[in-house]
């Protein structure tokens, strides 16, 4: 497993949630130093911690593990289909295409070591 990629994604979702390492640590019952080590890829969270982490950050596990789960995009697209059920039919296809293109662009940037944020 790519611990650095996992840690970077955890940090990304923590920052997006406007949470400090200390706040996340309190919710997980650990220290901010432990969170720092996870985000730097020095340590890998236990399965129990990972589940709580996903719940606290409100992120699906496949998004954090996308580097190591084969076929995660197919699951992502299926989830997207369910979410878009409420969108008007003529907008649904265009919305899905736009979101998939954005995800592919982000992957291309990642592969070329280009940061979007």
Protein backbone atom coordinates (compact mmCIF):
# COMPACT_ATOMS: atom_id res chain seq x y z
CA UNK A 1 0.00 0.00 0.00
CA UNK A 2 1.18 3.52 -0.75
CA UNK A 3 1.09 4.99 2.76
CA UNK A 4 2.14 8.45 1.55
CA UNK A 5 -0.75 8.62 -0.94
CA UNK A 6 -3.18 7.42 1.73
CA UNK A 7 -1.84 10.01 4.18
CA UNK A 8 -2.06 12.78 1.60
CA UNK A 9 -5.71 11.94 0.91
CA UNK A 10 -6.52 11.84 4.61
CA UNK A 11 -4.91 15.26 4.97
CA UNK A 12 -6.84 16.56 1.95
CA UNK A 13 -10.21 15.50 3.37
CA UNK A 14 -9.28 16.76 6.85
CA UNK A 15 -8.38 20.19 5.46
CA UNK A 16 -11.49 20.25 3.28
CA UNK A 17 -13.50 19.58 6.43
CA UNK A 18 -11.79 22.56 8.09
CA UNK A 19 -10.42 20.34 10.83
CA UNK A 20 -7.05 20.58 12.54
CA UNK A 21 -4.89 17.56 13.27
CA UNK A 22 -5.64 18.08 16.94
CA UNK A 23 -9.42 18.10 16.35
CA UNK A 24 -9.20 14.94 14.25
CA UNK A 25 -7.03 13.27 16.87
CA UNK A 26 -9.56 14.05 19.60
CA UNK A 27 -12.34 12.46 17.55
CA UNK A 28 -10.19 9.38 16.89
CA UNK A 29 -8.91 9.11 20.44
CA UNK A 30 -5.24 9.49 19.53
CA UNK A 31 -2.60 12.24 19.48
CA UNK A 32 -2.05 14.92 16.87
CA UNK A 33 1.46 13.48 16.44
CA UNK A 34 -0.12 10.17 15.38
CA UNK A 35 -2.31 11.99 12.84
CA UNK A 36 0.76 13.80 11.55
CA UNK A 37 2.60 10.49 11.14
CA UNK A 38 -0.36 9.00 9.23
CA UNK A 39 -0.61 12.04 6.94
CA UNK A 40 3.13 11.86 6.21
CA UNK A 41 2.89 8.15 5.43
CA UNK A 42 5.15 7.18 8.33
CA UNK A 43 2.35 5.17 9.97
CA UNK A 44 -0.69 3.40 8.56
CA UNK A 45 -3.96 3.53 10.52
CA UNK A 46 -5.38 0.29 11.90
CA UNK A 47 -8.58 -0.95 10.30
CA UNK A 48 -10.58 0.22 13.31
CA UNK A 49 -9.01 3.69 13.14
CA UNK A 50 -9.50 3.80 9.38
CA UNK A 51 -13.25 3.11 9.70
CA UNK A 52 -13.66 5.83 12.34
CA UNK A 53 -11.53 8.15 10.21
CA UNK A 54 -13.81 7.64 7.19
CA UNK A 55 -16.87 8.35 9.32
CA UNK A 56 -15.38 11.46 10.94
CA UNK A 57 -14.16 12.85 7.60
CA UNK A 58 -17.39 11.75 5.89
CA UNK A 59 -15.49 10.12 3.03
CA UNK A 60 -15.96 6.73 1.41
CA UNK A 61 -13.06 4.33 1.99
CA UNK A 62 -12.57 3.74 -1.75
CA UNK A 63 -11.69 7.40 -2.21
CA UNK A 64 -8.89 7.15 0.32
CA UNK A 65 -7.68 3.81 -1.02
CA UNK A 66 -8.03 4.52 -4.73
CA UNK A 67 -4.35 3.79 -5.41
CA UNK A 68 -4.64 0.22 -4.19
CA UNK A 69 -8.21 -0.82 -5.02
CA UNK A 70 -8.56 -2.07 -8.58
CA UNK A 71 -11.78 -1.05 -10.27
CA UNK A 72 -12.60 1.64 -7.70
CA UNK A 73 -13.70 3.97 -10.50
CA UNK A 74 -16.41 1.58 -11.61
CA UNK A 75 -17.83 1.66 -8.08
CA UNK A 76 -17.53 5.43 -8.07
CA UNK A 77 -19.47 5.66 -11.32
CA UNK A 78 -22.20 3.37 -9.95
CA UNK A 79 -22.46 5.57 -6.86
CA UNK A 80 -22.66 8.60 -9.13
CA UNK A 81 -25.52 7.02 -11.07
CA UNK A 82 -27.50 6.59 -7.84
CA UNK A 83 -26.86 10.19 -6.80
CA UNK A 84 -27.87 11.52 -10.19
CA UNK A 85 -31.20 9.70 -10.18
CA UNK A 86 -32.81 12.92 -8.94
CA UNK A 87 -31.34 15.01 -11.76
CA UNK A 88 -33.52 15.64 -14.78
CA UNK A 89 -32.85 12.94 -17.40
CA UNK A 90 -31.54 15.31 -20.11
CA UNK A 91 -29.03 16.82 -17.63
CA UNK A 92 -27.97 13.52 -16.10
CA UNK A 93 -25.69 12.33 -18.91
CA UNK A 94 -23.96 15.71 -19.28
CA UNK A 95 -23.46 16.05 -15.53
CA UNK A 96 -21.96 12.56 -15.27
CA UNK A 97 -19.64 13.20 -18.24
CA UNK A 98 -18.45 16.46 -16.68
CA UNK A 99 -17.73 14.84 -13.31
CA UNK A 100 -15.94 11.88 -14.92
CA UNK A 101 -13.84 14.25 -17.05
CA UNK A 102 -12.92 16.24 -13.93
CA UNK A 103 -11.90 13.04 -12.13
CA UNK A 104 -9.80 11.94 -15.13
CA UNK A 105 -8.12 15.34 -15.27
CA UNK A 106 -7.28 15.07 -11.58
CA UNK A 107 -5.78 11.61 -12.16
CA UNK A 108 -3.74 12.91 -15.09
CA UNK A 109 -2.44 15.75 -12.92
CA UNK A 110 -1.58 13.29 -10.16
CA UNK A 111 0.30 11.05 -12.59
CA UNK A 112 2.26 14.04 -13.84
CA UNK A 113 2.81 15.32 -10.27
CA UNK A 114 0.73 18.46 -10.90
CA UNK A 115 -1.26 19.79 -7.93
CA UNK A 116 -4.74 21.15 -8.47
CA UNK A 117 -5.04 22.76 -5.05
